[in-house]
Amino acid sequence: MTFHDALFLILATASAVSALGVVVSSSIIRSAIWLLFMLMGVSGLYFFLGAEFLGAAQLIVYVGGTMVLVVFGGMLTTRGPFDHVPVGLVGWVLGGGLSLALFALLVQASLSFVSHPRTDTALPGTGPLGLTLLGVPETPGQTAYLLPFEIVSIHLLVVLIAAAYLARAKRRPTSTHPEADHG
């Protein structure tokens, strides 16, 4: 086993164990911390596999943005109804079945790809990547990354709204007519 194989196995195992911690933890805060480690592990896998753009986007968007919002939302609601999430037997069976089906689908899809060795070893510089990020492809058939970044920005907006909703103060209903209470 080479160093690269061992490093890949360590990153993959850390990501899988962290993902299992997200699912098994009953505390929202602990689940969010496990999710943070899982997302960092996936980002490390992206960097290890040579997909620096995906690794950086994973770190900036998910680890940096989403996890901050989830942790703040969780910290502000730790005494509320979302502190511990009860999961019954039906939830475990349904979640486990869907997870196994997704895992089987991913294994089948990954085994169906044919590995083609790369003939060129030169990686693109930051100029072409920046142009495609802005939606200006260098060549006419090249993919632009503007739409995925717009989708990610909408995702962050939804997460921000959800965190604000979770963190808002729960008010007791008050009577609109105080004189009605006096009889």
N, C-alpha and C. Protein backbone atom coordinates (compact mmCIF):
# COMPACT_ATOMS: atom_id res chain seq x y z
N MET A 1 0.84 -1.18 0.00
CA MET A 1 0.00 0.00 0.00
C MET A 1 0.89 1.24 0.00
N THR A 2 0.60 2.13 -0.91
CA THR A 2 1.40 3.35 -1.03
C THR A 2 0.88 4.40 -0.05
N PHE A 3 1.66 5.48 0.05
CA PHE A 3 1.27 6.59 0.92
C PHE A 3 -0.04 7.21 0.46
N HIS A 4 -0.21 7.34 -0.85
CA HIS A 4 -1.44 7.94 -1.40
C HIS A 4 -2.67 7.07 -1.09
N ASP A 5 -2.49 5.76 -1.19
CA ASP A 5 -3.60 4.86 -0.86
C ASP A 5 -3.97 4.97 0.62
N ALA A 6 -2.96 5.02 1.48
CA ALA A 6 -3.22 5.13 2.92
C ALA A 6 -3.89 6.46 3.25
N LEU A 7 -3.44 7.55 2.63
CA LEU A 7 -4.05 8.86 2.88
C LEU A 7 -5.50 8.89 2.40
N PHE A 8 -5.76 8.29 1.24
CA PHE A 8 -7.13 8.23 0.75
C PHE A 8 -8.01 7.43 1.69
N LEU A 9 -7.53 6.29 2.16
CA LEU A 9 -8.31 5.47 3.09
C LEU A 9 -8.57 6.20 4.41
N ILE A 10 -7.59 6.95 4.89
CA ILE A 10 -7.78 7.70 6.13
C ILE A 10 -8.85 8.77 5.93
N LEU A 11 -8.77 9.53 4.84
CA LEU A 11 -9.77 10.57 4.58
C LEU A 11 -11.16 9.98 4.36
N ALA A 12 -11.24 8.89 3.61
CA ALA A 12 -12.53 8.27 3.35
C ALA A 12 -13.13 7.68 4.62
N THR A 13 -12.31 7.06 5.46
CA THR A 13 -12.80 6.50 6.71
C THR A 13 -13.27 7.59 7.66
N ALA A 14 -12.49 8.68 7.75
CA ALA A 14 -12.89 9.79 8.62
C ALA A 14 -14.21 10.40 8.15
N SER A 15 -14.39 10.53 6.84
CA SER A 15 -15.64 11.07 6.31
C SER A 15 -16.81 10.14 6.59
N ALA A 16 -16.60 8.84 6.40
CA ALA A 16 -17.68 7.87 6.63
C ALA A 16 -18.05 7.79 8.10
N VAL A 17 -17.07 7.80 8.99
CA VAL A 17 -17.36 7.75 10.43
C VAL A 17 -18.09 9.02 10.86
N SER A 18 -17.67 10.17 10.33
CA SER A 18 -18.34 11.42 10.66
C SER A 18 -19.77 11.44 10.13
N ALA A 19 -19.98 10.91 8.94
CA ALA A 19 -21.34 10.83 8.39
C ALA A 19 -22.22 9.93 9.25
N LEU A 20 -21.64 8.85 9.74
CA LEU A 20 -22.38 7.97 10.65
C LEU A 20 -22.71 8.70 11.95
N GLY A 21 -21.78 9.53 12.43
CA GLY A 21 -22.04 10.32 13.64
C GLY A 21 -23.17 11.31 13.45
N VAL A 22 -23.28 11.88 12.24
CA VAL A 22 -24.40 12.79 11.95
C VAL A 22 -25.72 12.06 12.08
N VAL A 23 -25.78 10.85 11.56
CA VAL A 23 -27.03 10.10 11.54
C VAL A 23 -27.39 9.57 12.93
N VAL A 24 -26.41 9.11 13.68
CA VAL A 24 -26.68 8.44 14.95
C VAL A 24 -26.90 9.43 16.09
N SER A 25 -26.30 10.60 16.04
CA SER A 25 -26.39 11.55 17.15
C SER A 25 -27.81 12.07 17.30
N SER A 26 -28.27 12.13 18.54
CA SER A 26 -29.61 12.64 18.80
C SER A 26 -29.61 14.12 19.13
N SER A 27 -28.45 14.68 19.40
CA SER A 27 -28.33 16.11 19.70
C SER A 27 -28.07 16.89 18.42
N ILE A 28 -28.78 17.98 18.25
CA ILE A 28 -28.60 18.80 17.05
C ILE A 28 -27.19 19.38 16.99
N ILE A 29 -26.67 19.83 18.11
CA ILE A 29 -25.32 20.43 18.13
C ILE A 29 -24.26 19.39 17.79
N ARG A 30 -24.36 18.22 18.40
CA ARG A 30 -23.38 17.16 18.09
C ARG A 30 -23.48 16.73 16.64
N SER A 31 -24.69 16.65 16.14
CA SER A 31 -24.89 16.28 14.74
C SER A 31 -24.27 17.33 13.82
N ALA A 32 -24.41 18.61 14.16
CA ALA A 32 -23.82 19.68 13.35
C ALA A 32 -22.29 19.62 13.38
N ILE A 33 -21.72 19.29 14.52
CA ILE A 33 -20.26 19.17 14.61
C ILE A 33 -19.77 17.98 13.80
N TRP A 34 -20.48 16.85 13.87
CA TRP A 34 -20.13 15.70 13.03
C TRP A 34 -20.23 16.06 11.56
N LEU A 35 -21.26 16.84 11.21
CA LEU A 35 -21.41 17.27 9.81
C LEU A 35 -20.24 18.15 9.39
N LEU A 36 -19.77 18.99 10.29
CA LEU A 36 -18.60 19.82 9.99
C LEU A 36 -17.40 18.95 9.65
N PHE A 37 -17.13 17.92 10.45
CA PHE A 37 -16.00 17.03 10.18
C PHE A 37 -16.20 16.25 8.88
N MET A 38 -17.43 15.84 8.61
CA MET A 38 -17.69 15.10 7.38
C MET A 38 -17.45 15.98 6.16
N LEU A 39 -17.93 17.22 6.21
CA LEU A 39 -17.73 18.12 5.08
C LEU A 39 -16.25 18.45 4.88
N MET A 40 -15.50 18.58 5.97
CA MET A 40 -14.06 18.81 5.84
C MET A 40 -13.37 17.59 5.25
N GLY A 41 -13.80 16.40 5.62
CA GLY A 41 -13.22 15.19 5.05
C GLY A 41 -13.49 15.06 3.56
N VAL A 42 -14.71 15.40 3.16
CA VAL A 42 -15.05 15.35 1.72
C VAL A 42 -14.23 16.40 0.97
N SER A 43 -14.06 17.57 1.56
CA SER A 43 -13.21 18.58 0.93
C SER A 43 -11.77 18.09 0.79
N GLY A 44 -11.27 17.42 1.81
CA GLY A 44 -9.93 16.83 1.72
C GLY A 44 -9.84 15.79 0.62
N LEU A 45 -10.90 15.00 0.44
CA LEU A 45 -10.92 14.02 -0.65
C LEU A 45 -10.88 14.72 -2.01
N TYR A 46 -11.63 15.81 -2.14
CA TYR A 46 -11.60 16.56 -3.39
C TYR A 46 -10.20 17.07 -3.69
N PHE A 47 -9.54 17.65 -2.68
CA PHE A 47 -8.18 18.14 -2.88
C PHE A 47 -7.23 17.00 -3.22
N PHE A 48 -7.39 15.89 -2.54
CA PHE A 48 -6.53 14.72 -2.77
C PHE A 48 -6.69 14.19 -4.19
N LEU A 49 -7.91 14.21 -4.72
CA LEU A 49 -8.16 13.67 -6.05
C LEU A 49 -7.87 14.67 -7.17
N GLY A 50 -7.40 15.86 -6.82
CA GLY A 50 -7.01 16.83 -7.83
C GLY A 50 -8.13 17.76 -8.27
N ALA A 51 -9.24 17.77 -7.57
CA ALA A 51 -10.35 18.67 -7.90
C ALA A 51 -10.31 19.84 -6.93
N GLU A 52 -9.34 20.72 -7.14
CA GLU A 52 -9.13 21.84 -6.23
C GLU A 52 -10.31 22.79 -6.20
N PHE A 53 -10.95 22.98 -7.35
CA PHE A 53 -12.10 23.88 -7.40
C PHE A 53 -13.23 23.36 -6.51
N LEU A 54 -13.54 22.06 -6.62
CA LEU A 54 -14.59 21.49 -5.79
C LEU A 54 -14.21 21.50 -4.31
N GLY A 55 -12.95 21.23 -4.02
CA GLY A 55 -12.49 21.26 -2.63
C GLY A 55 -12.61 22.64 -2.02
N ALA A 56 -12.21 23.66 -2.79
CA ALA A 56 -12.31 25.03 -2.28
C ALA A 56 -13.76 25.46 -2.14
N ALA A 57 -14.60 25.10 -3.10
CA ALA A 57 -16.03 25.43 -3.00
C ALA A 57 -16.65 24.72 -1.81
N GLN A 58 -16.26 23.49 -1.56
CA GLN A 58 -16.77 22.74 -0.42
C GLN A 58 -16.39 23.44 0.88
N LEU A 59 -15.13 23.86 0.99
CA LEU A 59 -14.70 24.54 2.21
C LEU A 59 -15.38 25.88 2.39
N ILE A 60 -15.43 26.68 1.33
CA ILE A 60 -15.97 28.02 1.46
C ILE A 60 -17.47 27.99 1.69
N VAL A 61 -18.18 27.25 0.85
CA VAL A 61 -19.63 27.30 0.89
C VAL A 61 -20.21 26.48 2.03
N TYR A 62 -19.88 25.20 2.05
CA TYR A 62 -20.54 24.33 3.02
C TYR A 62 -19.92 24.43 4.40
N VAL A 63 -18.61 24.26 4.50
CA VAL A 63 -17.98 24.31 5.81
C VAL A 63 -18.03 25.72 6.37
N GLY A 64 -17.67 26.70 5.55
CA GLY A 64 -17.62 28.07 6.03
C GLY A 64 -18.96 28.72 6.24
N GLY A 65 -19.87 28.54 5.31
CA GLY A 65 -21.15 29.23 5.37
C GLY A 65 -22.24 28.45 6.08
N THR A 66 -22.52 27.29 5.58
CA THR A 66 -23.64 26.52 6.11
C THR A 66 -23.41 26.10 7.56
N MET A 67 -22.22 25.64 7.88
CA MET A 67 -21.99 25.15 9.23
C MET A 67 -22.03 26.28 10.26
N VAL A 68 -21.56 27.46 9.90
CA VAL A 68 -21.65 28.59 10.82
C VAL A 68 -23.11 28.88 11.13
N LEU A 69 -23.94 28.88 10.10
CA LEU A 69 -25.36 29.14 10.32
C LEU A 69 -26.03 28.03 11.11
N VAL A 70 -25.69 26.79 10.84
CA VAL A 70 -26.29 25.68 11.57
C VAL A 70 -25.87 25.70 13.03
N VAL A 71 -24.60 25.96 13.29
CA VAL A 71 -24.13 25.98 14.67
C VAL A 71 -24.75 27.15 15.44
N PHE A 72 -24.81 28.34 14.83
CA PHE A 72 -25.45 29.46 15.52
C PHE A 72 -26.93 29.19 15.75
N GLY A 73 -27.61 28.68 14.75
CA GLY A 73 -29.02 28.35 14.92
C GLY A 73 -29.22 27.30 15.98
N GLY A 74 -28.35 26.31 16.02
CA GLY A 74 -28.45 25.27 17.05
C GLY A 74 -28.14 25.79 18.43
N MET A 75 -27.14 26.65 18.54
CA MET A 75 -26.80 27.19 19.85
C MET A 75 -27.90 28.09 20.40
N LEU A 76 -28.59 28.77 19.53
CA LEU A 76 -29.65 29.65 19.99
C LEU A 76 -30.94 28.90 20.30
N THR A 77 -31.04 27.65 19.90
CA THR A 77 -32.26 26.89 20.14
C THR A 77 -32.01 25.64 20.98
N THR A 78 -30.92 25.58 21.74
CA THR A 78 -30.60 24.37 22.48
C THR A 78 -31.60 24.06 23.58
N ARG A 79 -32.34 25.03 24.04
CA ARG A 79 -33.32 24.76 25.09
C ARG A 79 -34.72 24.63 24.52
N GLY A 80 -34.83 24.63 23.24
CA GLY A 80 -36.13 24.57 22.60
C GLY A 80 -36.51 23.15 22.21
N PRO A 81 -37.53 23.05 21.38
CA PRO A 81 -38.00 21.71 20.99
C PRO A 81 -37.08 20.99 20.03
N PHE A 82 -36.06 21.68 19.50
CA PHE A 82 -35.17 21.06 18.52
C PHE A 82 -33.88 20.56 19.14
N ASP A 83 -33.80 20.54 20.48
CA ASP A 83 -32.57 20.11 21.15
C ASP A 83 -32.28 18.64 20.87
N HIS A 84 -33.26 17.78 21.08
CA HIS A 84 -33.12 16.36 20.78
C HIS A 84 -34.25 15.96 19.84
N VAL A 85 -33.89 15.26 18.80
CA VAL A 85 -34.88 14.84 17.81
C VAL A 85 -35.17 13.35 18.04
N PRO A 86 -36.40 13.03 18.47
CA PRO A 86 -36.72 11.61 18.64
C PRO A 86 -36.97 10.94 17.30
N VAL A 87 -36.35 9.77 17.12
CA VAL A 87 -36.53 9.01 15.88
C VAL A 87 -37.05 7.64 16.27
N GLY A 88 -38.19 7.28 15.70
CA GLY A 88 -38.79 5.98 16.00
C GLY A 88 -38.23 4.89 15.11
N LEU A 89 -38.75 3.70 15.30
CA LEU A 89 -38.30 2.54 14.53
C LEU A 89 -38.60 2.70 13.04
N VAL A 90 -39.75 3.30 12.73
CA VAL A 90 -40.11 3.50 11.32
C VAL A 90 -39.11 4.43 10.64
N GLY A 91 -38.69 5.49 11.35
CA GLY A 91 -37.70 6.41 10.79
C GLY A 91 -36.37 5.75 10.53
N TRP A 92 -35.92 4.90 11.48
CA TRP A 92 -34.66 4.19 11.29
C TRP A 92 -34.73 3.21 10.12
N VAL A 93 -35.83 2.48 10.02
CA VAL A 93 -35.97 1.51 8.93
C VAL A 93 -36.05 2.22 7.58
N LEU A 94 -36.86 3.28 7.51
CA LEU A 94 -36.99 4.02 6.26
C LEU A 94 -35.68 4.69 5.86
N GLY A 95 -35.03 5.34 6.83
CA GLY A 95 -33.74 5.98 6.55
C GLY A 95 -32.66 4.99 6.16
N GLY A 96 -32.63 3.85 6.85
CA GLY A 96 -31.64 2.82 6.51
C GLY A 96 -31.87 2.23 5.13
N GLY A 97 -33.14 1.98 4.80
CA GLY A 97 -33.45 1.45 3.47
C GLY A 97 -33.09 2.42 2.36
N LEU A 98 -33.44 3.69 2.55
CA LEU A 98 -33.09 4.69 1.54
C LEU A 98 -31.58 4.87 1.43
N SER A 99 -30.88 4.81 2.56
CA SER A 99 -29.42 4.93 2.53
C SER A 99 -28.78 3.77 1.80
N LEU A 100 -29.25 2.57 2.05
CA LEU A 100 -28.70 1.39 1.35
C LEU A 100 -29.00 1.44 -0.15
N ALA A 101 -30.20 1.92 -0.51
CA ALA A 101 -30.54 2.04 -1.93
C ALA A 101 -29.65 3.08 -2.62
N LEU A 102 -29.42 4.20 -1.96
CA LEU A 102 -28.55 5.23 -2.52
C LEU A 102 -27.12 4.73 -2.62
N PHE A 103 -26.65 4.02 -1.60
CA PHE A 103 -25.31 3.46 -1.63
C PHE A 103 -25.15 2.47 -2.77
N ALA A 104 -26.13 1.61 -2.97
CA ALA A 104 -26.07 0.65 -4.07
C ALA A 104 -26.06 1.36 -5.42
N LEU A 105 -26.85 2.40 -5.54
CA LEU A 105 -26.88 3.18 -6.78
C LEU A 105 -25.54 3.85 -7.05
N LEU A 106 -24.92 4.41 -6.01
CA LEU A 106 -23.62 5.06 -6.18
C LEU A 106 -22.52 4.05 -6.51
N VAL A 107 -22.55 2.89 -5.88
CA VAL A 107 -21.56 1.85 -6.19
C VAL A 107 -21.73 1.38 -7.63
N GLN A 108 -22.97 1.18 -8.06
CA GLN A 108 -23.22 0.73 -9.44
C GLN A 108 -22.77 1.80 -10.43
N ALA A 109 -23.05 3.06 -10.13
CA ALA A 109 -22.65 4.14 -11.04
C ALA A 109 -21.13 4.28 -11.10
N SER A 110 -20.46 4.16 -9.94
CA SER A 110 -19.01 4.32 -9.94
C SER A 110 -18.31 3.14 -10.60
N LEU A 111 -18.88 1.95 -10.52
CA LEU A 111 -18.27 0.79 -11.17
C LEU A 111 -18.52 0.78 -12.67
N SER A 112 -19.52 1.52 -13.13
CA SER A 112 -19.82 1.53 -14.55
C SER A 112 -18.91 2.48 -15.34
N PHE A 113 -18.22 3.38 -14.64
CA PHE A 113 -17.32 4.29 -15.34
C PHE A 113 -16.06 3.55 -15.76
N VAL A 114 -15.59 3.85 -16.92
CA VAL A 114 -14.34 3.27 -17.41
C VAL A 114 -13.23 4.27 -17.15
N SER A 115 -12.16 3.80 -16.57
CA SER A 115 -11.06 4.68 -16.25
C SER A 115 -10.21 4.92 -17.50
N HIS A 116 -10.06 6.18 -17.84
CA HIS A 116 -9.21 6.57 -18.96
C HIS A 116 -7.99 7.29 -18.41
N PRO A 117 -6.79 6.82 -18.76
CA PRO A 117 -5.60 7.53 -18.27
C PRO A 117 -5.47 8.89 -18.93
N ARG A 118 -5.03 9.85 -18.15
CA ARG A 118 -4.84 11.20 -18.68
C ARG A 118 -3.55 11.25 -19.49
N THR A 119 -3.63 11.88 -20.64
CA THR A 119 -2.44 12.01 -21.47
C THR A 119 -1.72 13.32 -21.18
N ASP A 120 -2.46 14.34 -20.76
CA ASP A 120 -1.81 15.61 -20.45
C ASP A 120 -1.68 15.74 -18.93
N THR A 121 -0.56 16.26 -18.49
CA THR A 121 -0.33 16.42 -17.06
C THR A 121 -0.45 17.86 -16.62
N ALA A 122 -0.62 18.77 -17.55
CA ALA A 122 -0.71 20.18 -17.20
C ALA A 122 -2.12 20.50 -16.69
N LEU A 123 -2.18 21.14 -15.54
CA LEU A 123 -3.45 21.58 -14.99
C LEU A 123 -3.72 23.00 -15.43
N PRO A 124 -4.99 23.37 -15.62
CA PRO A 124 -5.28 24.74 -16.04
C PRO A 124 -4.92 25.73 -14.94
N GLY A 125 -4.54 26.93 -15.35
CA GLY A 125 -4.20 27.98 -14.40
C GLY A 125 -5.44 28.66 -13.87
N THR A 126 -5.21 29.73 -13.14
CA THR A 126 -6.34 30.44 -12.54
C THR A 126 -7.08 31.32 -13.54
N GLY A 127 -6.43 31.71 -14.64
CA GLY A 127 -7.09 32.55 -15.65
C GLY A 127 -8.29 31.88 -16.29
N PRO A 128 -8.13 30.69 -16.89
CA PRO A 128 -9.28 30.02 -17.47
C PRO A 128 -10.35 29.65 -16.45
N LEU A 129 -9.92 29.28 -15.24
CA LEU A 129 -10.88 28.95 -14.20
C LEU A 129 -11.70 30.18 -13.81
N GLY A 130 -11.05 31.32 -13.68
CA GLY A 130 -11.76 32.56 -13.34
C GLY A 130 -12.74 32.97 -14.42
N LEU A 131 -12.33 32.82 -15.68
CA LEU A 131 -13.24 33.17 -16.77
C LEU A 131 -14.45 32.25 -16.81
N THR A 132 -14.25 30.96 -16.61
CA THR A 132 -15.39 30.05 -16.63
C THR A 132 -16.26 30.25 -15.39
N LEU A 133 -15.65 30.66 -14.28
CA LEU A 133 -16.43 30.96 -13.08
C LEU A 133 -17.36 32.15 -13.33
N LEU A 134 -16.90 33.11 -14.07
CA LEU A 134 -17.71 34.29 -14.38
C LEU A 134 -18.70 34.05 -15.51
N GLY A 135 -18.64 32.90 -16.13
CA GLY A 135 -19.58 32.61 -17.20
C GLY A 135 -19.06 32.95 -18.57
N VAL A 136 -17.76 33.21 -18.69
CA VAL A 136 -17.15 33.52 -19.97
C VAL A 136 -16.21 32.38 -20.32
N PRO A 137 -16.71 31.34 -21.02
CA PRO A 137 -15.83 30.22 -21.34
C PRO A 137 -14.74 30.63 -22.33
N GLU A 138 -13.58 30.01 -22.18
CA GLU A 138 -12.44 30.31 -23.05
C GLU A 138 -12.68 29.82 -24.47
N THR A 139 -13.29 28.66 -24.60
CA THR A 139 -13.64 28.12 -25.91
C THR A 139 -15.16 27.98 -25.97
N PRO A 140 -15.73 27.95 -27.17
CA PRO A 140 -17.20 27.91 -27.27
C PRO A 140 -17.87 26.71 -26.62
N GLY A 141 -17.23 25.57 -26.56
CA GLY A 141 -17.86 24.38 -25.99
C GLY A 141 -17.59 24.17 -24.51
N GLN A 142 -16.85 25.08 -23.88
CA GLN A 142 -16.45 24.92 -22.50
C GLN A 142 -17.60 25.25 -21.54
N THR A 143 -17.64 24.57 -20.42
CA THR A 143 -18.70 24.77 -19.43
C THR A 143 -18.40 25.99 -18.58
N ALA A 144 -19.44 26.77 -18.28
CA ALA A 144 -19.30 27.91 -17.38
C ALA A 144 -19.88 27.54 -16.02
N TYR A 145 -19.29 28.08 -14.96
CA TYR A 145 -19.70 27.73 -13.61
C TYR A 145 -20.58 28.78 -12.96
N LEU A 146 -21.14 29.69 -13.71
CA LEU A 146 -21.94 30.75 -13.12
C LEU A 146 -23.23 30.21 -12.52
N LEU A 147 -23.92 29.33 -13.22
CA LEU A 147 -25.18 28.77 -12.71
C LEU A 147 -24.98 27.99 -11.41
N PRO A 148 -23.97 27.12 -11.30
CA PRO A 148 -23.79 26.43 -10.01
C PRO A 148 -23.52 27.39 -8.86
N PHE A 149 -22.78 28.48 -9.10
CA PHE A 149 -22.53 29.41 -8.01
C PHE A 149 -23.79 30.20 -7.65
N GLU A 150 -24.63 30.47 -8.61
CA GLU A 150 -25.90 31.12 -8.29
C GLU A 150 -26.79 30.19 -7.48
N ILE A 151 -26.78 28.91 -7.81
CA ILE A 151 -27.55 27.94 -7.04
C ILE A 151 -27.02 27.84 -5.62
N VAL A 152 -25.70 27.87 -5.46
CA VAL A 152 -25.10 27.83 -4.13
C VAL A 152 -25.47 29.07 -3.33
N SER A 153 -25.51 30.23 -3.98
CA SER A 153 -25.88 31.44 -3.25
C SER A 153 -27.34 31.39 -2.80
N ILE A 154 -28.21 30.81 -3.60
CA ILE A 154 -29.60 30.63 -3.17
C ILE A 154 -29.67 29.65 -2.01
N HIS A 155 -28.83 28.62 -2.06
CA HIS A 155 -28.77 27.66 -0.95
C HIS A 155 -28.38 28.37 0.34
N LEU A 156 -27.38 29.22 0.29
CA LEU A 156 -26.96 29.94 1.49
C LEU A 156 -28.06 30.87 1.99
N LEU A 157 -28.81 31.48 1.09
CA LEU A 157 -29.92 32.33 1.49
C LEU A 157 -30.99 31.52 2.22
N VAL A 158 -31.31 30.35 1.70
CA VAL A 158 -32.31 29.49 2.35
C VAL A 158 -31.82 29.06 3.72
N VAL A 159 -30.54 28.71 3.85
CA VAL A 159 -29.99 28.31 5.13
C VAL A 159 -30.02 29.48 6.11
N LEU A 160 -29.73 30.68 5.65
CA LEU A 160 -29.77 31.86 6.51
C LEU A 160 -31.18 32.12 7.01
N ILE A 161 -32.16 31.99 6.15
CA ILE A 161 -33.55 32.18 6.55
C ILE A 161 -33.97 31.11 7.55
N ALA A 162 -33.54 29.87 7.31
CA ALA A 162 -33.87 28.78 8.24
C ALA A 162 -33.22 29.00 9.60
N ALA A 163 -31.97 29.46 9.62
CA ALA A 163 -31.30 29.71 10.90
C ALA A 163 -31.97 30.87 11.63
N ALA A 164 -32.38 31.89 10.91
CA ALA A 164 -33.09 33.00 11.55
C ALA A 164 -34.43 32.54 12.10
N TYR A 165 -35.12 31.67 11.37
CA TYR A 165 -36.39 31.14 11.86
C TYR A 165 -36.19 30.31 13.13
N LEU A 166 -35.17 29.47 13.14
CA LEU A 166 -34.91 28.65 14.32
C LEU A 166 -34.47 29.48 15.51
N ALA A 167 -33.75 30.57 15.27
CA ALA A 167 -33.20 31.37 16.35
C ALA A 167 -34.16 32.43 16.87
N ARG A 168 -35.25 32.66 16.19
CA ARG A 168 -36.15 33.73 16.63
C ARG A 168 -36.77 33.35 17.97
N ALA A 169 -37.08 34.36 18.73
CA ALA A 169 -37.64 34.15 20.07
C ALA A 169 -39.07 33.65 19.96
N LYS A 170 -39.39 32.70 20.78
CA LYS A 170 -40.76 32.19 20.84
C LYS A 170 -41.54 33.08 21.79
N ARG A 171 -42.56 33.73 21.29
CA ARG A 171 -43.36 34.64 22.11
C ARG A 171 -44.65 33.95 22.51
N ARG A 172 -45.08 34.26 23.71
CA ARG A 172 -46.36 33.75 24.17
C ARG A 172 -47.47 34.61 23.58
N PRO A 173 -48.57 34.00 23.23
CA PRO A 173 -49.67 34.81 22.71
C PRO A 173 -50.22 35.72 23.80
N THR A 174 -50.37 36.99 23.47
CA THR A 174 -50.90 37.96 24.41
C THR A 174 -52.29 38.38 23.97
N SER A 175 -53.04 38.80 24.91
CA SER A 175 -54.41 39.24 24.62
C SER A 175 -54.35 40.61 23.94
N THR A 176 -55.16 40.79 22.92
CA THR A 176 -55.17 42.07 22.20
C THR A 176 -56.03 43.09 22.89
N HIS A 177 -56.91 42.65 23.76
CA HIS A 177 -57.80 43.58 24.47
C HIS A 177 -57.59 43.42 25.97
N PRO A 178 -56.75 44.27 26.57
CA PRO A 178 -56.49 44.11 28.01
C PRO A 178 -57.70 44.38 28.87
N GLU A 179 -58.61 45.21 28.39
CA GLU A 179 -59.79 45.47 29.21
C GLU A 179 -60.75 44.29 29.25
N ALA A 180 -60.64 43.39 28.31
CA ALA A 180 -61.50 42.21 28.32
C ALA A 180 -61.11 41.26 29.46
N ASP A 181 -59.84 41.33 29.90
CA ASP A 181 -59.38 40.46 30.98
C ASP A 181 -59.93 40.91 32.34
N HIS A 182 -60.29 42.20 32.45
CA HIS A 182 -60.72 42.72 33.76
C HIS A 182 -62.20 42.47 33.99
N GLY A 183 -62.89 42.03 33.02
CA GLY A 183 -64.27 41.65 33.22
C GLY A 183 -65.21 42.68 32.85
